[in-house]
């Protein structure tokens, strides 16, 4: 089984995908790390790479081709990326959501605590983070609509949707694991 994670910025996708990969003893592929590595190679911040992506789709296409290949050549793994559900359509598709204020709080705290590498570091408060996240989300919506005619934030694309705003990480994991376990038992 291939399990794809998508969702809102700060919703807990990475943490839950990593926890699930460990629990199921599956490899995990994280598209964000690939993009961050590309930014590092270009000697620019992740935020600057996202700006570049607005006019140059080369990085998005590189990551998308990587996902397509994974879906065609491997099985039994977890993949995390906004477009993973689309490029691996036979995956079990999970979407985690979160309200924008909680999203900004989580991302800002991660940035402050240096858990996020190569992000825009000029952000000094939650309001600036909310604006940054809105800007990034809008950019993603426009890019994926233009490139593929898809809306990665449309719940109808997914098999399981969970809003994590008022849940702690253990509660989110329990709900996701219960869903995945149910699907695995039906195989």
N, C-alpha and C. Protein backbone atom coordinates (compact mmCIF):
# COMPACT_ATOMS: atom_id res chain seq x y z
N UNK A 1 0.84 -1.18 0.00
CA UNK A 1 0.00 0.00 0.00
C UNK A 1 0.89 1.24 0.00
N UNK A 2 0.52 2.20 -0.81
CA UNK A 2 1.17 3.51 -0.82
C UNK A 2 0.23 4.48 -0.12
N UNK A 3 0.76 5.25 0.81
CA UNK A 3 -0.03 6.23 1.55
C UNK A 3 0.53 7.60 1.26
N UNK A 4 -0.33 8.48 0.72
CA UNK A 4 0.13 9.85 0.41
C UNK A 4 -0.50 10.83 1.40
N UNK A 5 0.35 11.75 1.86
CA UNK A 5 -0.08 12.82 2.76
C UNK A 5 0.00 14.14 2.04
N UNK A 6 -1.07 14.90 2.16
CA UNK A 6 -1.09 16.28 1.70
C UNK A 6 -1.76 17.08 2.80
N UNK A 7 -1.81 18.39 2.62
CA UNK A 7 -2.51 19.17 3.61
C UNK A 7 -1.98 20.57 3.76
N UNK A 8 -2.56 21.26 4.69
CA UNK A 8 -2.23 22.65 4.95
C UNK A 8 -0.87 22.77 5.62
N UNK A 9 -0.25 23.90 5.41
CA UNK A 9 1.02 24.21 6.06
C UNK A 9 0.79 24.22 7.57
N UNK A 10 1.64 23.52 8.31
CA UNK A 10 1.52 23.50 9.76
C UNK A 10 0.47 22.56 10.31
N UNK A 11 -0.08 21.70 9.47
CA UNK A 11 -1.15 20.79 9.93
C UNK A 11 -0.63 19.56 10.64
N UNK A 12 0.67 19.31 10.55
CA UNK A 12 1.25 18.13 11.18
C UNK A 12 1.56 17.00 10.22
N UNK A 13 1.50 17.28 8.93
CA UNK A 13 1.72 16.24 7.91
C UNK A 13 3.04 15.51 8.12
N UNK A 14 4.11 16.27 8.26
CA UNK A 14 5.45 15.67 8.36
C UNK A 14 5.57 14.80 9.61
N UNK A 15 5.11 15.31 10.72
CA UNK A 15 5.20 14.57 11.98
C UNK A 15 4.40 13.29 11.91
N UNK A 16 3.17 13.39 11.42
CA UNK A 16 2.30 12.20 11.35
C UNK A 16 2.81 11.21 10.32
N UNK A 17 3.25 11.69 9.16
CA UNK A 17 3.79 10.79 8.14
C UNK A 17 5.01 10.04 8.67
N UNK A 18 5.85 10.75 9.40
CA UNK A 18 7.04 10.12 9.97
C UNK A 18 6.65 9.09 11.04
N UNK A 19 5.72 9.44 11.91
CA UNK A 19 5.27 8.51 12.95
C UNK A 19 4.64 7.26 12.32
N UNK A 20 3.83 7.46 11.29
CA UNK A 20 3.16 6.34 10.63
C UNK A 20 4.18 5.45 9.92
N UNK A 21 5.16 6.06 9.29
CA UNK A 21 6.21 5.28 8.61
C UNK A 21 6.94 4.39 9.62
N UNK A 22 7.24 4.93 10.79
CA UNK A 22 7.92 4.14 11.82
C UNK A 22 7.02 3.01 12.31
N UNK A 23 5.76 3.33 12.57
CA UNK A 23 4.82 2.34 13.08
C UNK A 23 4.62 1.19 12.09
N UNK A 24 4.51 1.53 10.81
CA UNK A 24 4.25 0.52 9.77
C UNK A 24 5.55 -0.05 9.18
N UNK A 25 6.68 0.48 9.64
CA UNK A 25 7.99 0.05 9.12
C UNK A 25 8.06 0.20 7.60
N UNK A 26 7.64 1.37 7.14
CA UNK A 26 7.66 1.69 5.71
C UNK A 26 8.62 2.85 5.47
N UNK A 27 9.23 2.89 4.30
CA UNK A 27 10.03 4.08 3.97
C UNK A 27 9.12 5.28 3.77
N UNK A 28 9.67 6.46 4.04
CA UNK A 28 8.93 7.72 3.87
C UNK A 28 9.70 8.63 2.93
N UNK A 29 8.98 9.18 1.98
CA UNK A 29 9.55 10.13 1.04
C UNK A 29 8.89 11.48 1.27
N UNK A 30 9.69 12.50 1.47
CA UNK A 30 9.20 13.83 1.81
C UNK A 30 9.61 14.81 0.73
N UNK A 31 8.65 15.29 -0.04
CA UNK A 31 8.94 16.19 -1.16
C UNK A 31 9.47 17.54 -0.68
N UNK A 32 9.07 17.96 0.50
CA UNK A 32 9.57 19.22 1.05
C UNK A 32 11.08 19.20 1.26
N UNK A 33 11.60 18.04 1.67
CA UNK A 33 13.06 17.96 1.87
C UNK A 33 13.79 18.04 0.55
N UNK A 34 13.20 17.50 -0.49
CA UNK A 34 13.81 17.60 -1.82
C UNK A 34 13.84 19.06 -2.25
N UNK A 35 12.74 19.76 -2.05
CA UNK A 35 12.70 21.17 -2.44
C UNK A 35 13.65 22.01 -1.58
N UNK A 36 13.74 21.71 -0.32
CA UNK A 36 14.67 22.45 0.55
C UNK A 36 16.12 22.21 0.13
N UNK A 37 16.40 20.98 -0.29
CA UNK A 37 17.76 20.67 -0.76
C UNK A 37 18.06 21.44 -2.05
N UNK A 38 17.09 21.55 -2.93
CA UNK A 38 17.27 22.33 -4.17
C UNK A 38 17.54 23.79 -3.82
N UNK A 39 16.79 24.34 -2.86
CA UNK A 39 17.01 25.73 -2.43
C UNK A 39 18.43 25.89 -1.89
N UNK A 40 18.85 24.93 -1.09
CA UNK A 40 20.20 24.99 -0.52
C UNK A 40 21.25 24.97 -1.63
N UNK A 41 21.06 24.10 -2.62
CA UNK A 41 22.00 24.02 -3.74
C UNK A 41 22.06 25.33 -4.53
N UNK A 42 20.92 26.01 -4.61
CA UNK A 42 20.86 27.29 -5.32
C UNK A 42 21.31 28.45 -4.43
N UNK A 43 21.60 28.14 -3.16
CA UNK A 43 22.02 29.14 -2.18
C UNK A 43 20.96 30.23 -1.98
N UNK A 44 19.69 29.78 -1.91
CA UNK A 44 18.58 30.69 -1.64
C UNK A 44 17.71 30.07 -0.55
N UNK A 45 16.86 30.87 0.06
CA UNK A 45 15.96 30.35 1.09
C UNK A 45 14.82 29.58 0.43
N UNK A 46 14.16 28.78 1.23
CA UNK A 46 12.98 28.05 0.74
C UNK A 46 11.93 29.04 0.24
N UNK A 47 11.73 30.13 0.96
CA UNK A 47 10.77 31.17 0.55
C UNK A 47 11.14 31.75 -0.81
N UNK A 48 12.44 31.97 -1.03
CA UNK A 48 12.89 32.49 -2.32
C UNK A 48 12.66 31.47 -3.44
N UNK A 49 12.84 30.19 -3.13
CA UNK A 49 12.57 29.15 -4.12
C UNK A 49 11.10 29.14 -4.49
N UNK A 50 10.22 29.32 -3.49
CA UNK A 50 8.78 29.36 -3.78
C UNK A 50 8.44 30.54 -4.70
N UNK A 51 9.11 31.66 -4.52
CA UNK A 51 8.92 32.82 -5.40
C UNK A 51 9.40 32.48 -6.81
N UNK A 52 10.54 31.84 -6.92
CA UNK A 52 11.09 31.45 -8.21
C UNK A 52 10.14 30.49 -8.93
N UNK A 53 9.52 29.61 -8.17
CA UNK A 53 8.60 28.63 -8.76
C UNK A 53 7.40 29.28 -9.44
N UNK A 54 7.07 30.50 -9.05
CA UNK A 54 5.93 31.19 -9.68
C UNK A 54 6.16 31.43 -11.16
N UNK A 55 7.40 31.62 -11.54
CA UNK A 55 7.71 31.92 -12.94
C UNK A 55 8.51 30.83 -13.64
N UNK A 56 9.10 29.91 -12.87
CA UNK A 56 9.90 28.84 -13.44
C UNK A 56 9.45 27.51 -12.86
N UNK A 57 8.72 26.72 -13.62
CA UNK A 57 8.17 25.47 -13.09
C UNK A 57 9.17 24.32 -13.01
N UNK A 58 10.43 24.55 -13.34
CA UNK A 58 11.40 23.46 -13.43
C UNK A 58 11.51 22.66 -12.13
N UNK A 59 11.56 23.34 -10.99
CA UNK A 59 11.70 22.63 -9.71
C UNK A 59 10.46 21.79 -9.42
N UNK A 60 9.28 22.38 -9.62
CA UNK A 60 8.05 21.62 -9.41
C UNK A 60 8.03 20.38 -10.31
N UNK A 61 8.38 20.55 -11.57
CA UNK A 61 8.36 19.42 -12.50
C UNK A 61 9.35 18.34 -12.09
N UNK A 62 10.51 18.74 -11.58
CA UNK A 62 11.51 17.77 -11.14
C UNK A 62 10.95 16.93 -9.99
N UNK A 63 10.34 17.57 -9.03
CA UNK A 63 9.76 16.86 -7.88
C UNK A 63 8.58 16.00 -8.32
N UNK A 64 7.78 16.51 -9.23
CA UNK A 64 6.61 15.77 -9.71
C UNK A 64 7.02 14.50 -10.46
N UNK A 65 8.06 14.60 -11.28
CA UNK A 65 8.55 13.42 -12.00
C UNK A 65 9.09 12.38 -11.03
N UNK A 66 9.75 12.83 -9.99
CA UNK A 66 10.26 11.93 -8.96
C UNK A 66 9.10 11.15 -8.33
N UNK A 67 8.01 11.85 -8.02
CA UNK A 67 6.84 11.19 -7.41
C UNK A 67 6.22 10.18 -8.37
N UNK A 68 6.07 10.57 -9.62
CA UNK A 68 5.49 9.65 -10.62
C UNK A 68 6.30 8.35 -10.68
N UNK A 69 7.62 8.51 -10.72
CA UNK A 69 8.49 7.34 -10.80
C UNK A 69 8.34 6.47 -9.57
N UNK A 70 8.30 7.08 -8.38
CA UNK A 70 8.09 6.32 -7.14
C UNK A 70 6.83 5.47 -7.23
N UNK A 71 5.74 6.11 -7.65
CA UNK A 71 4.45 5.42 -7.71
C UNK A 71 4.42 4.27 -8.70
N UNK A 72 5.25 4.35 -9.72
CA UNK A 72 5.29 3.30 -10.75
C UNK A 72 6.27 2.19 -10.44
N UNK A 73 7.27 2.47 -9.62
CA UNK A 73 8.34 1.49 -9.43
C UNK A 73 8.41 0.89 -8.03
N UNK A 74 7.68 1.46 -7.07
CA UNK A 74 7.77 0.96 -5.71
C UNK A 74 6.38 0.76 -5.11
N UNK A 75 6.34 0.04 -4.00
CA UNK A 75 5.10 -0.15 -3.26
C UNK A 75 5.44 -0.13 -1.76
N UNK A 76 4.41 -0.01 -0.97
CA UNK A 76 4.55 -0.04 0.49
C UNK A 76 5.48 1.05 1.01
N UNK A 77 5.05 2.28 0.82
CA UNK A 77 5.79 3.43 1.33
C UNK A 77 4.82 4.56 1.62
N UNK A 78 5.34 5.56 2.29
CA UNK A 78 4.58 6.77 2.61
C UNK A 78 5.25 7.92 1.88
N UNK A 79 4.44 8.74 1.25
CA UNK A 79 4.95 9.90 0.52
C UNK A 79 4.21 11.13 1.01
N UNK A 80 4.95 12.19 1.18
CA UNK A 80 4.36 13.43 1.67
C UNK A 80 4.68 14.56 0.71
N UNK A 81 3.62 15.17 0.20
CA UNK A 81 3.78 16.31 -0.70
C UNK A 81 2.41 16.80 -1.14
N UNK A 82 2.31 18.06 -1.47
CA UNK A 82 1.02 18.63 -1.85
C UNK A 82 0.38 17.91 -3.03
N UNK A 83 1.20 17.48 -3.99
CA UNK A 83 0.66 16.87 -5.21
C UNK A 83 0.79 15.35 -5.23
N UNK A 84 1.24 14.77 -4.14
CA UNK A 84 1.47 13.31 -4.12
C UNK A 84 0.22 12.53 -4.48
N UNK A 85 -0.93 12.94 -3.95
CA UNK A 85 -2.18 12.23 -4.24
C UNK A 85 -2.46 12.20 -5.75
N UNK A 86 -2.07 13.24 -6.43
CA UNK A 86 -2.35 13.39 -7.87
C UNK A 86 -1.38 12.55 -8.71
N UNK A 87 -0.11 12.56 -8.34
CA UNK A 87 0.89 11.85 -9.12
C UNK A 87 0.97 10.37 -8.78
N UNK A 88 0.37 9.99 -7.66
CA UNK A 88 0.28 8.58 -7.29
C UNK A 88 -1.20 8.30 -7.00
N UNK A 89 -2.02 8.26 -8.04
CA UNK A 89 -3.47 8.19 -7.85
C UNK A 89 -3.96 6.91 -7.18
N UNK A 90 -3.17 5.85 -7.20
CA UNK A 90 -3.57 4.60 -6.55
C UNK A 90 -3.18 4.57 -5.07
N UNK A 91 -2.67 5.69 -4.55
CA UNK A 91 -2.31 5.76 -3.13
C UNK A 91 -3.55 5.95 -2.27
N UNK A 92 -3.40 5.64 -1.00
CA UNK A 92 -4.41 5.97 0.00
C UNK A 92 -4.15 7.43 0.36
N UNK A 93 -5.09 8.31 0.08
CA UNK A 93 -4.87 9.75 0.12
C UNK A 93 -5.38 10.37 1.42
N UNK A 94 -4.45 10.97 2.17
CA UNK A 94 -4.78 11.59 3.46
C UNK A 94 -4.48 13.08 3.39
N UNK A 95 -5.41 13.89 3.88
CA UNK A 95 -5.26 15.34 3.92
C UNK A 95 -5.44 15.81 5.35
N UNK A 96 -4.44 16.54 5.86
CA UNK A 96 -4.55 17.14 7.19
C UNK A 96 -4.72 18.64 7.03
N UNK A 97 -5.67 19.19 7.75
CA UNK A 97 -5.95 20.62 7.66
C UNK A 97 -5.77 21.25 9.04
N UNK A 98 -5.70 22.57 9.06
CA UNK A 98 -5.55 23.33 10.30
C UNK A 98 -5.97 24.76 10.00
N UNK A 99 -6.55 25.45 10.98
CA UNK A 99 -6.92 26.85 10.71
C UNK A 99 -5.66 27.70 10.63
N UNK A 100 -5.78 28.85 9.97
CA UNK A 100 -4.58 29.63 9.64
C UNK A 100 -3.85 30.18 10.86
N UNK A 101 -4.57 30.54 11.90
CA UNK A 101 -3.89 31.08 13.09
C UNK A 101 -3.08 30.00 13.79
N UNK A 102 -3.66 28.82 13.94
CA UNK A 102 -2.94 27.70 14.56
C UNK A 102 -1.77 27.26 13.67
N UNK A 103 -1.99 27.26 12.37
CA UNK A 103 -0.93 26.95 11.42
C UNK A 103 0.25 27.90 11.63
N UNK A 104 -0.04 29.19 11.67
CA UNK A 104 1.00 30.20 11.85
C UNK A 104 1.72 30.03 13.19
N UNK A 105 0.96 29.73 14.23
CA UNK A 105 1.57 29.53 15.55
C UNK A 105 2.54 28.36 15.53
N UNK A 106 2.11 27.25 14.93
CA UNK A 106 2.96 26.06 14.88
C UNK A 106 4.23 26.31 14.06
N UNK A 107 4.06 26.88 12.88
CA UNK A 107 5.21 27.12 12.01
C UNK A 107 6.15 28.14 12.62
N UNK A 108 5.60 29.19 13.22
CA UNK A 108 6.42 30.21 13.85
C UNK A 108 7.24 29.61 15.00
N UNK A 109 6.60 28.77 15.81
CA UNK A 109 7.32 28.12 16.91
C UNK A 109 8.42 27.20 16.39
N UNK A 110 8.13 26.45 15.32
CA UNK A 110 9.15 25.60 14.71
C UNK A 110 10.31 26.44 14.19
N UNK A 111 9.99 27.53 13.55
CA UNK A 111 11.03 28.42 13.01
C UNK A 111 11.88 29.00 14.14
N UNK A 112 11.19 29.45 15.18
CA UNK A 112 11.87 30.01 16.35
C UNK A 112 12.79 28.98 17.01
N UNK A 113 12.33 27.74 17.04
CA UNK A 113 13.09 26.67 17.67
C UNK A 113 14.03 25.97 16.70
N UNK A 114 14.16 26.54 15.50
CA UNK A 114 15.10 26.05 14.49
C UNK A 114 14.79 24.66 13.97
N UNK A 115 13.52 24.23 14.06
CA UNK A 115 13.15 22.94 13.50
C UNK A 115 12.92 23.01 11.99
N UNK A 116 12.70 24.21 11.49
CA UNK A 116 12.50 24.38 10.06
C UNK A 116 13.77 24.98 9.48
N UNK A 117 14.32 24.29 8.52
CA UNK A 117 15.57 24.74 7.93
C UNK A 117 15.31 25.53 6.66
N UNK A 118 16.10 26.57 6.46
CA UNK A 118 16.13 27.30 5.20
C UNK A 118 14.81 27.99 4.87
N UNK A 119 14.05 28.38 5.88
CA UNK A 119 12.81 29.11 5.66
C UNK A 119 13.11 30.61 5.65
N UNK A 120 12.08 31.40 5.41
CA UNK A 120 12.23 32.85 5.50
C UNK A 120 12.43 33.19 6.98
N UNK A 121 13.57 33.74 7.33
CA UNK A 121 13.86 33.98 8.74
C UNK A 121 13.56 35.41 9.16
N UNK A 122 13.08 36.25 8.27
CA UNK A 122 12.80 37.64 8.60
C UNK A 122 11.47 37.79 9.35
N UNK A 123 10.72 36.74 9.48
CA UNK A 123 9.42 36.77 10.14
C UNK A 123 9.63 36.86 11.65
N UNK A 124 8.99 37.87 12.26
CA UNK A 124 9.23 38.12 13.69
C UNK A 124 8.01 37.93 14.57
N UNK A 125 6.82 37.70 13.97
CA UNK A 125 5.63 37.51 14.80
C UNK A 125 4.58 36.69 14.05
N UNK A 126 3.54 36.33 14.77
CA UNK A 126 2.49 35.46 14.23
C UNK A 126 1.77 36.10 13.05
N UNK A 127 1.47 37.39 13.13
CA UNK A 127 0.77 38.06 12.02
C UNK A 127 1.57 38.00 10.72
N UNK A 128 2.87 38.22 10.82
CA UNK A 128 3.73 38.10 9.64
C UNK A 128 3.72 36.67 9.11
N UNK A 129 3.70 35.71 10.02
CA UNK A 129 3.67 34.30 9.62
C UNK A 129 2.34 33.97 8.94
N UNK A 130 1.23 34.49 9.46
CA UNK A 130 -0.07 34.27 8.81
C UNK A 130 -0.01 34.79 7.38
N UNK A 131 0.51 35.97 7.19
CA UNK A 131 0.61 36.55 5.84
C UNK A 131 1.52 35.73 4.95
N UNK A 132 2.63 35.25 5.49
CA UNK A 132 3.55 34.43 4.72
C UNK A 132 2.88 33.13 4.28
N UNK A 133 2.16 32.50 5.18
CA UNK A 133 1.48 31.24 4.86
C UNK A 133 0.38 31.47 3.83
N UNK A 134 -0.38 32.54 3.98
CA UNK A 134 -1.43 32.86 2.98
C UNK A 134 -0.81 33.05 1.61
N UNK A 135 0.30 33.77 1.57
CA UNK A 135 0.99 34.04 0.31
C UNK A 135 1.48 32.72 -0.33
N UNK A 136 2.08 31.87 0.48
CA UNK A 136 2.57 30.57 -0.03
C UNK A 136 1.42 29.70 -0.51
N UNK A 137 0.34 29.65 0.26
CA UNK A 137 -0.81 28.84 -0.14
C UNK A 137 -1.39 29.33 -1.45
N UNK A 138 -1.55 30.64 -1.59
CA UNK A 138 -2.09 31.20 -2.83
C UNK A 138 -1.19 30.88 -4.01
N UNK A 139 0.10 30.97 -3.80
CA UNK A 139 1.06 30.63 -4.85
C UNK A 139 0.90 29.17 -5.28
N UNK A 140 0.77 28.28 -4.30
CA UNK A 140 0.59 26.86 -4.61
C UNK A 140 -0.72 26.62 -5.37
N UNK A 141 -1.79 27.25 -4.92
CA UNK A 141 -3.08 27.09 -5.59
C UNK A 141 -2.97 27.50 -7.05
N UNK A 142 -2.37 28.65 -7.28
CA UNK A 142 -2.24 29.17 -8.65
C UNK A 142 -1.33 28.28 -9.50
N UNK A 143 -0.18 27.86 -8.94
CA UNK A 143 0.75 27.02 -9.71
C UNK A 143 0.13 25.70 -10.10
N UNK A 144 -0.47 24.98 -9.15
CA UNK A 144 -0.99 23.66 -9.45
C UNK A 144 -2.22 23.73 -10.35
N UNK A 145 -2.98 24.79 -10.25
CA UNK A 145 -4.10 25.00 -11.18
C UNK A 145 -3.55 25.21 -12.59
N UNK A 146 -2.54 26.05 -12.68
CA UNK A 146 -1.96 26.37 -13.99
C UNK A 146 -1.25 25.15 -14.60
N UNK A 147 -0.49 24.42 -13.81
CA UNK A 147 0.28 23.29 -14.33
C UNK A 147 -0.58 22.07 -14.63
N UNK A 148 -1.52 21.76 -13.72
CA UNK A 148 -2.22 20.49 -13.81
C UNK A 148 -3.74 20.58 -13.75
N UNK A 149 -4.27 21.76 -13.52
CA UNK A 149 -5.72 21.90 -13.41
C UNK A 149 -6.28 21.26 -12.15
N UNK A 150 -5.50 21.27 -11.06
CA UNK A 150 -5.96 20.64 -9.81
C UNK A 150 -5.95 21.65 -8.68
N UNK A 151 -6.78 21.37 -7.68
CA UNK A 151 -6.81 22.14 -6.44
C UNK A 151 -6.41 21.18 -5.32
N UNK A 152 -5.18 21.31 -4.83
CA UNK A 152 -4.68 20.38 -3.82
C UNK A 152 -5.38 20.55 -2.48
N UNK A 153 -6.15 21.63 -2.33
CA UNK A 153 -6.87 21.88 -1.07
C UNK A 153 -8.35 21.45 -1.14
N UNK A 154 -8.74 20.79 -2.22
CA UNK A 154 -10.11 20.32 -2.38
C UNK A 154 -10.24 18.96 -1.68
N UNK A 155 -11.02 18.91 -0.61
CA UNK A 155 -11.18 17.69 0.18
C UNK A 155 -11.65 16.50 -0.65
N UNK A 156 -12.35 16.76 -1.72
CA UNK A 156 -12.89 15.65 -2.52
C UNK A 156 -11.80 14.79 -3.16
N UNK A 157 -10.57 15.27 -3.16
CA UNK A 157 -9.45 14.51 -3.74
C UNK A 157 -8.92 13.42 -2.81
N UNK A 158 -9.42 13.36 -1.59
CA UNK A 158 -8.79 12.53 -0.57
C UNK A 158 -9.73 11.47 0.00
N UNK A 159 -9.13 10.41 0.51
CA UNK A 159 -9.88 9.33 1.14
C UNK A 159 -10.17 9.61 2.61
N UNK A 160 -9.33 10.45 3.22
CA UNK A 160 -9.47 10.76 4.64
C UNK A 160 -9.00 12.19 4.86
N UNK A 161 -9.85 12.99 5.52
CA UNK A 161 -9.53 14.39 5.81
C UNK A 161 -9.70 14.59 7.31
N UNK A 162 -8.72 15.26 7.92
CA UNK A 162 -8.78 15.51 9.36
C UNK A 162 -8.30 16.92 9.65
N UNK A 163 -9.12 17.67 10.39
CA UNK A 163 -8.71 18.99 10.84
C UNK A 163 -7.99 18.81 12.18
N UNK A 164 -6.74 19.25 12.23
CA UNK A 164 -5.89 19.02 13.40
C UNK A 164 -5.84 20.21 14.36
N UNK A 165 -6.60 21.25 14.08
CA UNK A 165 -6.51 22.50 14.84
C UNK A 165 -6.60 22.29 16.34
N UNK A 166 -7.56 21.52 16.80
CA UNK A 166 -7.79 21.36 18.24
C UNK A 166 -7.35 20.01 18.77
N UNK A 167 -6.45 19.36 18.04
CA UNK A 167 -5.98 18.05 18.45
C UNK A 167 -4.49 18.10 18.74
N UNK A 168 -4.06 17.31 19.71
CA UNK A 168 -2.61 17.19 19.93
C UNK A 168 -2.08 16.11 18.99
N UNK A 169 -0.78 16.01 18.92
CA UNK A 169 -0.16 15.11 17.95
C UNK A 169 -0.55 13.65 18.17
N UNK A 170 -0.70 13.23 19.43
CA UNK A 170 -1.10 11.85 19.71
C UNK A 170 -2.53 11.58 19.24
N UNK A 171 -3.42 12.55 19.41
CA UNK A 171 -4.80 12.40 18.95
C UNK A 171 -4.87 12.32 17.43
N UNK A 172 -4.08 13.16 16.76
CA UNK A 172 -4.04 13.13 15.29
C UNK A 172 -3.53 11.77 14.83
N UNK A 173 -2.43 11.33 15.42
CA UNK A 173 -1.87 10.04 15.02
C UNK A 173 -2.87 8.91 15.23
N UNK A 174 -3.54 8.90 16.36
CA UNK A 174 -4.50 7.84 16.66
C UNK A 174 -5.60 7.78 15.60
N UNK A 175 -6.11 8.92 15.20
CA UNK A 175 -7.18 8.96 14.19
C UNK A 175 -6.67 8.51 12.82
N UNK A 176 -5.50 8.98 12.44
CA UNK A 176 -4.93 8.59 11.15
C UNK A 176 -4.60 7.10 11.15
N UNK A 177 -3.98 6.64 12.20
CA UNK A 177 -3.61 5.22 12.27
C UNK A 177 -4.85 4.32 12.23
N UNK A 178 -5.88 4.70 12.94
CA UNK A 178 -7.13 3.91 12.93
C UNK A 178 -7.67 3.79 11.51
N UNK A 179 -7.67 4.89 10.77
CA UNK A 179 -8.14 4.86 9.39
C UNK A 179 -7.26 3.96 8.52
N UNK A 180 -5.96 4.15 8.59
CA UNK A 180 -5.03 3.37 7.77
C UNK A 180 -5.12 1.89 8.14
N UNK A 181 -5.15 1.59 9.42
CA UNK A 181 -5.23 0.20 9.87
C UNK A 181 -6.50 -0.46 9.32
N UNK A 182 -7.61 0.27 9.34
CA UNK A 182 -8.86 -0.26 8.78
C UNK A 182 -8.72 -0.60 7.31
N UNK A 183 -8.04 0.26 6.57
CA UNK A 183 -7.81 0.00 5.15
C UNK A 183 -6.87 -1.18 4.93
N UNK A 184 -5.84 -1.28 5.76
CA UNK A 184 -4.89 -2.39 5.63
C UNK A 184 -5.58 -3.72 5.91
N UNK A 185 -6.50 -3.73 6.87
CA UNK A 185 -7.21 -4.97 7.22
C UNK A 185 -8.15 -5.40 6.11
N UNK A 186 -8.60 -4.49 5.29
CA UNK A 186 -9.52 -4.82 4.18
C UNK A 186 -8.79 -5.36 2.95
N UNK A 187 -7.48 -5.24 2.95
CA UNK A 187 -6.68 -5.69 1.78
C UNK A 187 -6.67 -7.18 1.63
